[in-house]
Amino acid sequence: MTVHDRTRLTGWLHLFQIRLREISRATHNHRAQHDTQSFRKESNVIMPNQDFEPMEIEPALSDVEMDELDNFLMSDATSNEVMLLDCLDGYLTAIASAPVQLTQGDWLPRVWGPEDEDAPTFETKAQEERIIGLMTRHLNAIVWNLQQEDEPFEPVFDLHVYQDDEREYVDGEMWAHGYMTAIKLQRDSWKALFESKHGADMLRPIYLLGAEDVSEEEETLVQTPVQREELSKTIPASVGWIFKYWAPQRRAESERMNGKSSANENLKISRNAPCICGSGRKYKKCCGASAE
């Protein structure tokens, strides 16, 4: 029986997180290399076209800092419900890609777990600020990475080795679970993507790997390490498409929240303009078709 089968049959997320905690220091492989820089403005994530000052530029987390965050998440200071690094990366990627920007107070509690009692025990206020600061910087780095069309998006996926098979398999299952968890925080805001012409297809690999309510037929698509690896490899393209899909709404929301107005703010996308999803087709023949 695969790891996937065991976790879904015995309480998908809970026991899998426990198992990861127990074996993580020996087998928890991680780390997408981040050579990019991240931006932060007063602890708020910078969205596309938002102004920033040069002194607000901060580097993405180094490997040492990623290890520091990873070690805290796996420590006894957190509950068994905490998101580990790969799950956290998926969660923050969805937060960065969402149609509506969430405040830190909205997204941070769910990192620790679904219940209030899952909150971590910090040794000092300085440690609390340090750990939360690392997560915020990582979120900003994800935003910056997604904004760079010439830079490939690199999720923090896990690597698994199975008995009698020396090969390492890329497994985005926990990453996808984190992404789907973030969608649940504001599911109504994501409704337009679910109903768009291509939205469901682009979300499908993340949904298959990360959703808890897949059908028996869908379950057969993620049973083997090879199946999960192939789906995981399609996730960066899906993430890029979804980020672009919500870009116009994020800009409008950012302008509204900052009290800015624009002559073009309420204009609809021209039916003959290139589609916002980046397909190269006209809007009226692509995503715009579902709105007619």
Protein backbone atom coordinates (compact mmCIF):
# COMPACT_ATOMS: atom_id res chain seq x y z
CA MET A 1 0.00 0.00 0.00
CA THR A 2 1.44 3.41 -0.96
CA VAL A 3 1.87 6.38 1.35
CA HIS A 4 -1.03 7.99 -0.48
CA ASP A 5 -3.35 5.05 0.21
CA ARG A 6 -2.44 4.85 3.89
CA THR A 7 -2.91 8.54 4.56
CA ARG A 8 -6.30 8.79 2.83
CA LEU A 9 -7.60 5.62 4.51
CA THR A 10 -6.55 6.63 8.04
CA GLY A 11 -7.22 10.34 8.17
CA TRP A 12 -5.49 11.89 5.20
CA LEU A 13 -3.80 14.91 6.63
CA HIS A 14 -3.53 14.20 10.35
CA LEU A 15 -1.62 10.93 10.32
CA PHE A 16 0.49 11.89 7.34
CA GLN A 17 1.68 15.02 9.14
CA ILE A 18 2.50 12.91 12.21
CA ARG A 19 4.41 10.41 10.11
CA LEU A 20 6.36 13.20 8.43
CA ARG A 21 7.27 14.64 11.81
CA GLU A 22 8.62 11.31 13.03
CA ILE A 23 10.80 10.59 10.04
CA SER A 24 11.44 14.07 8.72
CA ARG A 25 14.97 14.56 10.00
CA ALA A 26 16.04 11.42 8.14
CA THR A 27 13.93 11.54 5.02
CA HIS A 28 12.38 14.97 4.67
CA ASN A 29 13.87 16.27 1.44
CA HIS A 30 13.05 19.70 0.38
CA ARG A 31 14.19 22.90 -1.09
CA ALA A 32 13.46 24.62 -4.28
CA GLN A 33 16.42 26.97 -4.77
CA HIS A 34 15.38 30.61 -4.67
CA ASP A 35 17.86 32.94 -6.39
CA THR A 36 15.29 35.70 -6.72
CA GLN A 37 14.54 38.60 -4.42
CA SER A 38 11.30 39.30 -2.58
CA PHE A 39 9.60 42.56 -1.83
CA ARG A 40 7.80 43.64 1.30
CA LYS A 41 5.99 46.83 2.23
CA GLU A 42 5.09 47.17 5.91
CA SER A 43 4.56 43.39 6.15
CA ASN A 44 2.01 43.46 3.29
CA VAL A 45 2.48 41.34 0.19
CA ILE A 46 3.26 43.41 -2.89
CA MET A 47 0.90 42.63 -5.74
CA PRO A 48 1.41 43.42 -9.44
CA ASN A 49 1.82 47.11 -10.34
CA GLN A 50 1.98 48.14 -6.69
CA ASP A 51 4.53 50.86 -5.97
CA PHE A 52 7.54 50.14 -3.79
CA GLU A 53 10.66 51.92 -2.60
CA PRO A 54 14.20 50.54 -3.14
CA MET A 55 14.82 50.21 0.61
CA GLU A 56 11.86 47.82 0.86
CA ILE A 57 13.56 45.14 -1.21
CA GLU A 58 14.49 42.09 0.86
CA PRO A 59 16.19 38.86 -0.23
CA ALA A 60 14.30 35.60 -0.46
CA LEU A 61 15.04 33.08 2.26
CA SER A 62 18.46 31.49 2.12
CA ASP A 63 18.89 27.75 2.53
CA VAL A 64 19.93 28.36 6.14
CA GLU A 65 16.78 30.38 6.79
CA MET A 66 14.60 27.77 5.08
CA ASP A 67 16.15 25.16 7.36
CA GLU A 68 15.49 27.38 10.37
CA LEU A 69 11.81 27.68 9.45
CA ASP A 70 11.59 23.98 8.64
CA ASN A 71 13.14 23.00 11.97
CA PHE A 72 10.71 25.16 13.92
CA LEU A 73 7.70 23.71 12.12
CA MET A 74 8.92 20.20 12.99
CA SER A 75 9.78 21.06 16.59
CA ASP A 76 7.85 20.27 19.75
CA ALA A 77 6.76 23.92 19.86
CA THR A 78 4.12 23.15 17.22
CA SER A 79 1.22 20.72 17.15
CA ASN A 80 0.85 17.65 14.94
CA GLU A 81 -1.54 19.70 12.79
CA VAL A 82 1.04 22.28 11.72
CA MET A 83 1.87 22.68 8.05
CA LEU A 84 5.34 21.42 7.23
CA LEU A 85 7.50 23.23 4.71
CA ASP A 86 6.11 21.73 1.49
CA CYS A 87 2.51 22.13 2.64
CA LEU A 88 3.23 25.70 3.80
CA ASP A 89 4.76 26.57 0.42
CA GLY A 90 1.62 25.40 -1.39
CA TYR A 91 -0.58 27.27 1.08
CA LEU A 92 1.33 30.53 0.65
CA THR A 93 1.37 30.12 -3.14
CA ALA A 94 -2.44 30.05 -3.17
CA ILE A 95 -2.52 33.07 -0.84
CA ALA A 96 -0.23 34.91 -3.26
CA SER A 97 -2.34 33.88 -6.27
CA ALA A 98 -5.77 34.59 -4.81
CA PRO A 99 -8.24 37.14 -6.20
CA VAL A 100 -8.42 38.94 -2.84
CA GLN A 101 -5.41 39.76 -0.70
CA LEU A 102 -5.65 38.32 2.80
CA THR A 103 -4.12 39.97 5.83
CA GLN A 104 -1.61 38.11 7.94
CA GLY A 105 -4.29 37.71 10.59
CA ASP A 106 -6.46 35.91 8.05
CA TRP A 107 -3.95 33.33 6.82
CA LEU A 108 -1.48 32.81 9.67
CA PRO A 109 -3.67 30.89 12.19
CA ARG A 110 -4.38 28.08 9.72
CA VAL A 111 -0.64 27.44 9.32
CA TRP A 112 -0.54 26.14 12.89
CA GLY A 113 -3.66 23.99 12.56
CA PRO A 114 -7.46 24.08 12.25
CA GLU A 115 -8.09 24.75 15.97
CA ASP A 116 -7.10 27.60 18.29
CA GLU A 117 -5.28 25.17 20.56
CA ASP A 118 -2.91 24.30 17.69
CA ALA A 119 -1.14 27.65 18.10
CA PRO A 120 2.60 27.19 18.73
CA THR A 121 4.50 27.89 21.93
CA PHE A 122 7.20 30.44 21.28
CA GLU A 123 10.08 30.74 23.73
CA THR A 124 10.27 34.51 23.33
CA LYS A 125 8.56 37.35 21.52
CA ALA A 126 11.69 37.71 19.42
CA GLN A 127 11.38 34.09 18.26
CA GLU A 128 7.74 34.64 17.34
CA GLU A 129 8.62 37.71 15.28
CA ARG A 130 11.49 35.85 13.65
CA ILE A 131 9.44 32.83 12.54
CA ILE A 132 6.48 34.88 11.32
CA GLY A 133 8.91 37.20 9.56
CA LEU A 134 10.47 34.26 7.72
CA MET A 135 7.03 33.10 6.54
CA THR A 136 6.11 36.61 5.39
CA ARG A 137 9.35 36.96 3.46
CA HIS A 138 8.77 33.57 1.83
CA LEU A 139 5.27 34.66 0.81
CA ASN A 140 6.69 37.83 -0.73
CA ALA A 141 9.32 35.79 -2.56
CA ILE A 142 6.58 33.61 -4.06
CA VAL A 143 4.72 36.72 -5.25
CA TRP A 144 7.88 38.11 -6.84
CA ASN A 145 8.70 34.78 -8.48
CA LEU A 146 5.22 34.55 -9.99
CA GLN A 147 5.50 38.07 -11.37
CA GLN A 148 8.64 37.19 -13.33
CA GLU A 149 7.49 35.64 -16.61
CA ASP A 150 11.06 34.75 -17.56
CA GLU A 151 11.70 32.93 -14.28
CA PRO A 152 10.35 29.38 -13.79
CA PHE A 153 8.18 28.90 -10.73
CA GLU A 154 9.75 26.40 -8.35
CA PRO A 155 7.45 24.84 -5.74
CA VAL A 156 8.93 23.24 -2.63
CA PHE A 157 8.00 19.64 -3.35
CA ASP A 158 8.89 16.61 -1.28
CA LEU A 159 10.91 13.66 -2.55
CA HIS A 160 9.97 10.09 -1.67
CA VAL A 161 11.86 6.80 -1.88
CA TYR A 162 9.81 3.61 -1.65
CA GLN A 163 10.79 0.12 -0.55
CA ASP A 164 12.46 -1.97 -3.27
CA ASP A 165 12.73 1.11 -5.49
CA GLU A 166 15.89 3.24 -5.30
CA ARG A 167 14.48 6.02 -7.45
CA GLU A 168 13.43 9.30 -5.84
CA TYR A 169 9.96 10.45 -6.84
CA VAL A 170 8.80 14.05 -6.83
CA ASP A 171 5.61 14.21 -4.79
CA GLY A 172 3.52 17.39 -4.66
CA GLU A 173 0.72 15.84 -2.60
CA MET A 174 1.27 17.82 0.61
CA TRP A 175 2.08 20.97 -1.39
CA ALA A 176 -1.24 20.61 -3.21
CA HIS A 177 -3.06 20.02 0.07
CA GLY A 178 -1.69 23.34 1.32
CA TYR A 179 -2.88 25.09 -1.84
CA MET A 180 -6.38 23.62 -1.55
CA THR A 181 -6.50 24.57 2.13
CA ALA A 182 -5.88 28.21 1.22
CA ILE A 183 -8.65 28.11 -1.38
CA LYS A 184 -11.05 26.98 1.37
CA LEU A 185 -10.33 30.17 3.31
CA GLN A 186 -12.06 32.22 0.60
CA ARG A 187 -13.82 29.68 -1.59
CA ASP A 188 -16.54 32.11 -2.70
CA SER A 189 -13.88 34.46 -4.07
CA TRP A 190 -12.51 31.64 -6.26
CA LYS A 191 -15.90 30.74 -7.73
CA ALA A 192 -15.33 32.56 -11.02
CA LEU A 193 -12.25 30.45 -11.73
CA PHE A 194 -14.13 27.20 -11.02
CA GLU A 195 -16.78 28.23 -13.53
CA SER A 196 -14.45 29.63 -16.21
CA LYS A 197 -13.77 27.78 -19.42
CA HIS A 198 -10.26 26.60 -18.50
CA GLY A 199 -10.12 27.15 -14.74
CA ALA A 200 -11.19 23.68 -13.65
CA ASP A 201 -8.73 22.05 -16.05
CA MET A 202 -5.83 24.18 -14.82
CA LEU A 203 -6.67 23.51 -11.17
CA ARG A 204 -7.17 19.78 -11.76
CA PRO A 205 -3.64 18.47 -10.93
CA ILE A 206 -3.64 20.45 -7.69
CA TYR A 207 -7.16 19.27 -6.89
CA LEU A 208 -6.39 15.61 -7.59
CA LEU A 209 -3.30 15.64 -5.40
CA GLY A 210 -4.55 17.87 -2.61
CA ALA A 211 -8.32 17.67 -2.20
CA GLU A 212 -9.83 15.50 0.51
CA ASP A 213 -13.11 14.79 -1.26
CA VAL A 214 -12.02 13.21 -4.55
CA SER A 215 -14.19 10.50 -6.07
CA GLU A 216 -13.21 6.84 -6.28
CA GLU A 217 -12.56 7.28 -9.98
CA GLU A 218 -10.32 10.29 -9.35
CA GLU A 219 -8.53 8.33 -6.62
CA THR A 220 -7.26 5.89 -9.24
CA LEU A 221 -5.40 8.75 -10.93
CA VAL A 222 -3.10 9.35 -7.94
CA GLN A 223 -2.46 5.86 -6.61
CA THR A 224 1.11 5.31 -7.79
CA PRO A 225 4.31 7.34 -7.28
CA VAL A 226 4.63 7.76 -11.05
CA GLN A 227 1.10 9.15 -11.34
CA ARG A 228 1.69 11.62 -8.53
CA GLU A 229 5.04 12.67 -9.95
CA GLU A 230 3.57 13.34 -13.41
CA LEU A 231 0.77 15.43 -11.93
CA SER A 232 3.25 17.29 -9.73
CA LYS A 233 5.33 18.27 -12.77
CA THR A 234 2.32 20.06 -14.29
CA ILE A 235 1.68 22.17 -11.20
CA PRO A 236 4.07 25.08 -12.03
CA ALA A 237 2.21 25.74 -15.30
CA SER A 238 -1.13 25.61 -13.50
CA VAL A 239 0.07 28.00 -10.79
CA GLY A 240 1.31 30.50 -13.39
CA TRP A 241 -2.00 30.40 -15.27
CA ILE A 242 -4.06 30.88 -12.11
CA PHE A 243 -1.86 33.77 -10.96
CA LYS A 244 -2.43 35.54 -14.30
CA TYR A 245 -6.14 34.78 -14.26
CA TRP A 246 -6.68 36.72 -11.04
CA ALA A 247 -4.22 39.56 -11.82
CA PRO A 248 -6.88 42.08 -13.02
CA GLN A 249 -9.01 41.52 -9.92
CA ARG A 250 -6.01 41.84 -7.59
CA ARG A 251 -5.04 45.15 -9.21
CA ALA A 252 -8.57 46.49 -8.87
CA GLU A 253 -8.76 45.32 -5.25
CA SER A 254 -5.37 46.84 -4.44
CA GLU A 255 -6.43 50.20 -5.92
CA ARG A 256 -9.70 50.10 -4.00
CA MET A 257 -7.99 49.25 -0.69
CA ASN A 258 -5.38 51.97 -1.19
CA GLY A 259 -8.02 54.56 -2.05
CA LYS A 260 -6.76 54.96 -5.59
CA SER A 261 -8.96 55.52 -8.58
CA SER A 262 -8.33 54.84 -12.22
CA ALA A 263 -10.21 55.85 -15.33
CA ASN A 264 -9.87 52.30 -16.55
CA GLU A 265 -10.75 50.60 -13.28
CA ASN A 266 -14.31 49.74 -14.23
CA LEU A 267 -13.71 49.02 -17.90
CA LYS A 268 -14.42 45.52 -19.10
CA ILE A 269 -11.88 43.51 -21.02
CA SER A 270 -12.29 43.99 -24.76
CA ARG A 271 -13.73 40.91 -26.41
CA ASN A 272 -11.07 41.15 -29.12
CA ALA A 273 -8.17 41.63 -26.68
CA PRO A 274 -5.73 38.78 -25.94
CA CYS A 275 -7.11 36.53 -23.23
CA ILE A 276 -5.87 37.23 -19.71
CA CYS A 277 -4.95 33.57 -19.27
CA GLY A 278 -2.05 33.89 -21.70
CA SER A 279 -3.34 31.33 -24.19
CA GLY A 280 -2.74 33.65 -27.14
CA ARG A 281 -6.37 33.45 -28.22
CA LYS A 282 -8.83 36.33 -28.20
CA TYR A 283 -10.71 36.84 -24.93
CA LYS A 284 -14.10 36.23 -26.59
CA LYS A 285 -12.88 32.85 -27.91
CA CYS A 286 -11.27 31.77 -24.66
CA CYS A 287 -12.16 32.59 -21.04
CA GLY A 288 -14.62 35.26 -22.15
CA ALA A 289 -16.77 32.65 -23.84
CA SER A 290 -17.96 31.34 -20.46
CA ALA A 291 -19.21 34.79 -19.48
CA GLU A 292 -21.57 35.09 -22.45
